[in-house]
Amino acid sequence: MIEKIITHPGGAHKDEFLACAILLAEHTVPVFRQDPIEEDLLSPQIAVIDVGHRHEPGLYNFDHHQFPRDAKPTCSLSLVLNHYGIYEDAVSFCPWLEVAEWFDCRGPKDTANWLGVERETVSMLNSPLDITILQAFAKSDLHSPGEPIWELMKMIGGELLQYIRNLRARIEEVAKVAEVWEVNEDQVCFKVMFVPRNKKKIDEVSGAMGWHIQELGLEAEVVAMVYPDSRGEGYGMKRFNDCPEMDFSKIENEQGVRFAHARGFIAKVEEMKIDRLKELLIKSYDLENFNMLMKK
């Protein structure tokens, strides 16, 4: 268990703020904004973040400034996430993380070039939330339990850890039961991911299914998802990646269909046999609309 966290004084940045927040989710300790001394760097009870020119996870030293100039963009947050064994998931689940790494290591100009946008566009991503929270963090040399900014940091760190870990757990639950259907009917051929109704409910199952499809490398083939309706009995049907060939408004008057959105991206149906589910999927498949969009 660590006794305190040290990070650099002066201007505050997103990477060390979030790195400290992750640690506060697991440890109720004060955060000092000061330069570390050698004894701090040698103590495994003191976490030193984004300062000290050392990356020694066993001693809770997480700095990246000593890395080579051409190294892959890596910030103190990256190092802490890697220490917890969730960095790869964080990169996948949190699209903002790579941007934060680039911005911290390469600055706004190179980050804008990497994103393929104008430099001014990067500054448009900031909001009063970013500015106010980081300024509040920078104004004090010590943040202790019970103070607003400390409590906010602990909350943010806890939510981030929970999001990454829970999403991974849901993806693993989906992977145990999910089926990939290849539906063939005359000229119609497409793939759908299906999760059956089960005694063990999977929270936010459609979101986890989307990630599972990507991890299987099927995002270019799967056009829809069928999953237990979270609001009751039956199933939900949803386009995957907004595939234009699936139009569930075409089945709004079909027997067993409780709801079909007018824009065709989602439908809710009663509990029914798999053959009937596949029949509804075939009726929802709009090959003519898909071919027309592909020609544009």
Protein backbone atom coordinates (compact mmCIF):
# COMPACT_ATOMS: atom_id res chain seq x y z
CA MET A 1 0.00 0.00 0.00
CA ILE A 2 1.29 3.44 -0.87
CA GLU A 3 1.27 6.27 1.66
CA LYS A 4 1.23 9.25 -0.69
CA ILE A 5 1.42 10.33 -4.32
CA ILE A 6 3.88 12.88 -5.69
CA THR A 7 3.52 14.58 -9.05
CA HIS A 8 5.19 17.65 -10.53
CA PRO A 9 4.35 21.22 -9.51
CA GLY A 10 3.42 24.01 -11.95
CA GLY A 11 0.95 23.58 -14.78
CA ALA A 12 -1.26 20.50 -14.61
CA HIS A 13 -1.96 18.17 -17.50
CA LYS A 14 -4.56 15.51 -18.22
CA ASP A 15 -2.11 12.60 -18.10
CA GLU A 16 -0.78 13.03 -14.55
CA PHE A 17 -4.21 14.11 -13.27
CA LEU A 18 -5.79 10.88 -14.55
CA ALA A 19 -2.80 8.76 -13.50
CA CYS A 20 -3.17 10.08 -9.95
CA ALA A 21 -6.94 9.54 -10.16
CA ILE A 22 -6.45 5.87 -11.04
CA LEU A 23 -4.18 5.40 -8.02
CA LEU A 24 -6.64 7.23 -5.75
CA ALA A 25 -9.34 4.78 -6.80
CA GLU A 26 -7.28 2.09 -5.07
CA HIS A 27 -5.53 4.10 -2.32
CA THR A 28 -6.87 6.78 0.04
CA VAL A 29 -3.74 8.94 0.24
CA PRO A 30 -2.81 12.62 -0.22
CA VAL A 31 -1.40 13.99 -3.48
CA PHE A 32 1.64 16.29 -3.24
CA ARG A 33 2.59 18.49 -6.20
CA GLN A 34 6.35 18.86 -5.72
CA ASP A 35 9.64 17.60 -7.10
CA PRO A 36 10.62 14.24 -5.60
CA ILE A 37 13.87 13.62 -3.74
CA GLU A 38 15.93 10.45 -4.04
CA GLU A 39 14.30 8.91 -0.95
CA ASP A 40 10.89 9.33 -2.57
CA LEU A 41 12.01 7.50 -5.70
CA LEU A 42 13.49 4.64 -3.67
CA SER A 43 10.40 4.10 -1.49
CA PRO A 44 7.74 1.61 -2.69
CA GLN A 45 5.29 3.38 -0.36
CA ILE A 46 5.48 6.62 -2.40
CA ALA A 47 4.08 6.82 -5.93
CA VAL A 48 5.92 9.31 -8.12
CA ILE A 49 3.92 10.32 -11.19
CA ASP A 50 5.09 12.12 -14.35
CA VAL A 51 8.31 13.34 -12.74
CA GLY A 52 11.61 11.82 -11.59
CA HIS A 53 12.79 10.38 -14.94
CA ARG A 54 12.21 6.80 -13.81
CA HIS A 55 9.81 4.07 -14.83
CA GLU A 56 9.98 1.48 -12.07
CA PRO A 57 6.53 -0.02 -11.46
CA GLY A 58 7.79 -2.05 -8.52
CA LEU A 59 8.68 1.21 -6.78
CA TYR A 60 5.57 3.02 -8.07
CA ASN A 61 7.68 5.37 -10.21
CA PHE A 62 5.77 6.26 -13.39
CA ASP A 63 7.58 8.81 -15.54
CA HIS A 64 8.01 8.80 -19.33
CA HIS A 65 10.11 11.89 -19.97
CA GLN A 66 13.32 9.84 -20.11
CA PHE A 67 12.05 7.73 -23.02
CA PRO A 68 13.72 8.25 -26.45
CA ARG A 69 12.44 11.14 -28.56
CA ASP A 70 11.11 8.77 -31.25
CA ALA A 71 9.47 6.34 -28.80
CA LYS A 72 5.80 5.47 -29.21
CA PRO A 73 3.76 8.23 -27.54
CA THR A 74 3.43 7.14 -23.92
CA CYS A 75 2.37 9.22 -20.93
CA SER A 76 2.23 8.64 -17.18
CA LEU A 77 -1.39 7.51 -17.47
CA SER A 78 -0.33 4.84 -19.99
CA LEU A 79 2.25 3.53 -17.52
CA VAL A 80 -0.19 3.35 -14.61
CA LEU A 81 -2.84 1.60 -16.73
CA ASN A 82 -0.19 -0.88 -17.89
CA HIS A 83 0.79 -1.47 -14.25
CA TYR A 84 -2.80 -2.51 -13.56
CA GLY A 85 -2.80 -4.79 -16.62
CA ILE A 86 -5.57 -2.92 -18.43
CA TYR A 87 -3.67 -0.69 -20.86
CA GLU A 88 -4.59 -2.64 -24.01
CA ASP A 89 -8.25 -2.65 -23.05
CA ALA A 90 -8.08 1.04 -22.20
CA VAL A 91 -6.68 1.88 -25.65
CA SER A 92 -9.48 -0.14 -27.27
CA PHE A 93 -12.35 1.09 -25.10
CA CYS A 94 -11.27 4.73 -24.61
CA PRO A 95 -10.59 6.43 -27.98
CA TRP A 96 -9.47 9.60 -26.20
CA LEU A 97 -6.47 7.83 -24.60
CA GLU A 98 -4.25 7.74 -27.68
CA VAL A 99 -5.04 11.40 -28.34
CA ALA A 100 -3.98 12.23 -24.77
CA GLU A 101 -0.74 10.29 -25.26
CA TRP A 102 0.06 12.10 -28.48
CA PHE A 103 -0.83 15.51 -27.10
CA ASP A 104 1.33 15.04 -24.01
CA CYS A 105 4.33 13.64 -25.89
CA ARG A 106 4.22 15.39 -29.26
CA GLY A 107 2.23 18.57 -28.69
CA PRO A 108 -0.78 20.03 -30.53
CA LYS A 109 0.81 20.41 -33.98
CA ASP A 110 1.99 16.80 -34.34
CA THR A 111 -1.22 15.53 -32.74
CA ALA A 112 -3.29 17.46 -35.27
CA ASN A 113 -1.20 16.05 -38.13
CA TRP A 114 -1.62 12.54 -36.76
CA LEU A 115 -5.40 13.03 -36.54
CA GLY A 116 -5.49 14.56 -40.01
CA VAL A 117 -7.07 17.82 -38.84
CA GLU A 118 -6.06 21.47 -38.54
CA ARG A 119 -4.17 22.45 -35.38
CA GLU A 120 -7.02 24.77 -34.36
CA THR A 121 -9.38 21.79 -34.31
CA VAL A 122 -7.46 20.20 -31.42
CA SER A 123 -8.10 23.22 -29.19
CA MET A 124 -11.82 22.89 -29.93
CA LEU A 125 -11.81 19.60 -28.00
CA ASN A 126 -11.26 21.44 -24.70
CA SER A 127 -14.23 22.50 -22.60
CA PRO A 128 -14.67 24.49 -19.36
CA LEU A 129 -14.65 21.14 -17.56
CA ASP A 130 -11.10 20.33 -18.72
CA ILE A 131 -9.80 23.81 -18.00
CA THR A 132 -11.49 24.33 -14.62
CA ILE A 133 -10.60 20.92 -13.18
CA LEU A 134 -6.95 21.06 -14.24
CA GLN A 135 -6.58 24.63 -12.98
CA ALA A 136 -8.07 23.64 -9.63
CA PHE A 137 -5.59 20.75 -9.44
CA ALA A 138 -2.69 23.09 -10.28
CA LYS A 139 -3.58 25.77 -7.72
CA SER A 140 -2.64 23.74 -4.67
CA ASP A 141 0.54 21.91 -3.69
CA LEU A 142 -1.42 19.40 -1.61
CA HIS A 143 -4.73 17.62 -2.18
CA SER A 144 -6.09 15.58 0.72
CA PRO A 145 -9.09 13.30 1.30
CA GLY A 146 -12.26 15.26 1.89
CA GLU A 147 -11.30 18.18 -0.36
CA PRO A 148 -13.48 18.67 -3.48
CA ILE A 149 -10.75 18.18 -6.10
CA TRP A 150 -9.39 15.09 -4.30
CA GLU A 151 -12.85 13.54 -4.06
CA LEU A 152 -13.51 14.33 -7.73
CA MET A 153 -10.23 12.68 -8.73
CA LYS A 154 -11.07 9.54 -6.76
CA MET A 155 -14.50 9.44 -8.38
CA ILE A 156 -13.08 9.84 -11.89
CA GLY A 157 -10.42 7.18 -11.31
CA GLY A 158 -12.96 4.75 -9.88
CA GLU A 159 -15.39 5.27 -12.77
CA LEU A 160 -12.61 4.77 -15.33
CA LEU A 161 -11.34 1.57 -13.72
CA GLN A 162 -14.89 0.25 -13.35
CA TYR A 163 -15.75 1.02 -16.97
CA ILE A 164 -12.69 -0.78 -18.38
CA ARG A 165 -12.92 -3.80 -16.08
CA ASN A 166 -16.69 -4.20 -16.34
CA LEU A 167 -16.68 -3.91 -20.13
CA ARG A 168 -14.01 -6.59 -20.38
CA ALA A 169 -16.05 -8.84 -18.08
CA ARG A 170 -19.20 -8.29 -20.20
CA ILE A 171 -17.31 -9.05 -23.42
CA GLU A 172 -16.05 -12.30 -21.91
CA GLU A 173 -19.59 -13.25 -20.84
CA VAL A 174 -20.88 -12.54 -24.35
CA ALA A 175 -18.06 -14.58 -25.88
CA LYS A 176 -19.20 -17.66 -23.91
CA VAL A 177 -22.71 -17.69 -25.38
CA ALA A 178 -22.68 -15.66 -28.61
CA GLU A 179 -23.37 -17.30 -31.97
CA VAL A 180 -22.60 -15.95 -35.43
CA TRP A 181 -25.38 -16.80 -37.84
CA GLU A 182 -24.77 -16.91 -41.56
CA VAL A 183 -28.17 -16.28 -43.08
CA ASN A 184 -28.70 -17.47 -46.66
CA GLU A 185 -31.89 -17.04 -48.66
CA ASP A 186 -31.92 -16.74 -52.47
CA GLN A 187 -29.68 -13.72 -53.23
CA VAL A 188 -29.53 -12.69 -49.59
CA CYS A 189 -26.44 -13.67 -47.59
CA PHE A 190 -25.33 -11.92 -44.42
CA LYS A 191 -24.01 -12.53 -40.90
CA VAL A 192 -25.69 -11.73 -37.60
CA MET A 193 -24.44 -12.10 -34.03
CA PHE A 194 -26.97 -13.69 -31.69
CA VAL A 195 -27.00 -13.94 -27.89
CA PRO A 196 -29.75 -16.25 -26.54
CA ARG A 197 -31.91 -15.53 -23.54
CA ASN A 198 -30.14 -16.88 -20.48
CA LYS A 199 -30.78 -17.09 -16.74
CA LYS A 200 -27.66 -14.97 -16.21
CA LYS A 201 -28.39 -11.47 -17.49
CA ILE A 202 -25.54 -9.61 -19.19
CA ASP A 203 -25.75 -5.85 -18.60
CA GLU A 204 -25.64 -3.62 -21.70
CA VAL A 205 -25.30 -6.74 -23.83
CA SER A 206 -25.52 -5.03 -27.23
CA GLY A 207 -22.54 -2.80 -26.45
CA ALA A 208 -20.45 -5.78 -25.36
CA MET A 209 -21.53 -7.65 -28.50
CA GLY A 210 -20.20 -4.81 -30.65
CA TRP A 211 -16.78 -5.05 -29.04
CA HIS A 212 -16.82 -8.86 -29.33
CA ILE A 213 -17.56 -8.58 -33.06
CA GLN A 214 -14.58 -6.27 -33.48
CA GLU A 215 -12.29 -8.57 -31.50
CA LEU A 216 -13.32 -11.46 -33.75
CA GLY A 217 -12.43 -9.35 -36.79
CA LEU A 218 -15.97 -9.62 -38.15
CA GLU A 219 -16.89 -5.93 -38.21
CA ALA A 220 -16.92 -5.94 -42.04
CA GLU A 221 -19.21 -8.99 -42.20
CA VAL A 222 -21.75 -8.77 -39.38
CA VAL A 223 -24.66 -6.49 -40.26
CA ALA A 224 -26.93 -6.89 -37.22
CA MET A 225 -27.19 -8.10 -33.64
CA VAL A 226 -30.00 -10.01 -31.92
CA TYR A 227 -29.97 -10.06 -28.12
CA PRO A 228 -32.24 -10.42 -25.05
CA ASP A 229 -34.39 -7.33 -24.60
CA SER A 230 -33.25 -5.56 -21.41
CA ARG A 231 -36.78 -4.22 -20.79
CA GLY A 232 -38.61 -7.52 -20.69
CA GLU A 233 -39.20 -10.76 -22.53
CA GLY A 234 -38.24 -11.11 -26.16
CA TYR A 235 -35.34 -9.82 -28.21
CA GLY A 236 -33.86 -6.63 -29.49
CA MET A 237 -32.64 -6.35 -33.09
CA LYS A 238 -30.12 -3.69 -33.96
CA ARG A 239 -28.00 -2.71 -36.92
CA PHE A 240 -24.27 -3.19 -36.37
CA ASN A 241 -22.17 -0.14 -37.30
CA ASP A 242 -25.32 1.36 -38.84
CA CYS A 243 -25.18 -1.09 -41.77
CA PRO A 244 -27.44 0.44 -44.46
CA GLU A 245 -28.69 -2.91 -45.73
CA MET A 246 -30.63 -3.61 -42.51
CA ASP A 247 -33.95 -1.75 -42.28
CA PHE A 248 -36.10 -2.99 -39.41
CA SER A 249 -38.92 -0.60 -40.33
CA LYS A 250 -39.76 -3.17 -43.04
CA ILE A 251 -41.05 -5.58 -40.34
CA GLU A 252 -43.12 -3.15 -38.26
CA ASN A 253 -46.38 -4.90 -39.20
CA GLU A 254 -45.08 -8.44 -38.82
CA GLN A 255 -46.61 -10.71 -36.19
CA GLY A 256 -44.55 -10.72 -32.99
CA VAL A 257 -42.90 -7.36 -33.63
CA ARG A 258 -43.62 -5.04 -30.71
CA PHE A 259 -41.75 -2.02 -32.05
CA ALA A 260 -39.72 -1.05 -35.11
CA HIS A 261 -38.13 2.38 -35.31
CA ALA A 262 -39.22 4.46 -38.29
CA ARG A 263 -35.57 4.99 -39.26
CA GLY A 264 -35.02 1.26 -39.28
CA PHE A 265 -32.04 0.90 -36.99
CA ILE A 266 -33.68 -1.07 -34.18
CA ALA A 267 -36.66 -3.30 -33.44
CA LYS A 268 -38.11 -5.15 -30.43
CA VAL A 269 -39.79 -8.50 -30.87
CA GLU A 270 -41.53 -11.07 -28.71
CA GLU A 271 -39.74 -14.23 -27.59
CA MET A 272 -39.85 -16.60 -30.56
CA LYS A 273 -38.08 -19.52 -32.20
CA ILE A 274 -34.78 -18.99 -33.99
CA ASP A 275 -36.27 -19.81 -37.40
CA ARG A 276 -38.77 -16.96 -36.97
CA LEU A 277 -36.02 -14.57 -35.86
CA LYS A 278 -34.05 -15.40 -38.99
CA GLU A 279 -37.17 -14.93 -41.11
CA LEU A 280 -37.62 -11.41 -39.70
CA LEU A 281 -33.96 -10.65 -40.34
CA ILE A 282 -34.32 -11.71 -43.98
CA LYS A 283 -37.40 -9.51 -44.37
CA SER A 284 -35.43 -6.60 -42.87
CA TYR A 285 -32.54 -7.01 -45.29
CA ASP A 286 -32.81 -4.33 -47.98
CA LEU A 287 -30.40 -5.38 -50.72
CA GLU A 288 -31.76 -2.81 -53.18
CA ASN A 289 -31.11 0.07 -50.77
CA PHE A 290 -27.63 -1.27 -50.02
CA ASN A 291 -26.72 -1.52 -53.72
CA MET A 292 -28.03 1.99 -54.33
CA LEU A 293 -25.89 3.43 -51.52
CA MET A 294 -22.83 1.58 -52.76
CA LYS A 295 -23.22 3.17 -56.21
CA LYS A 296 -23.21 6.70 -54.81
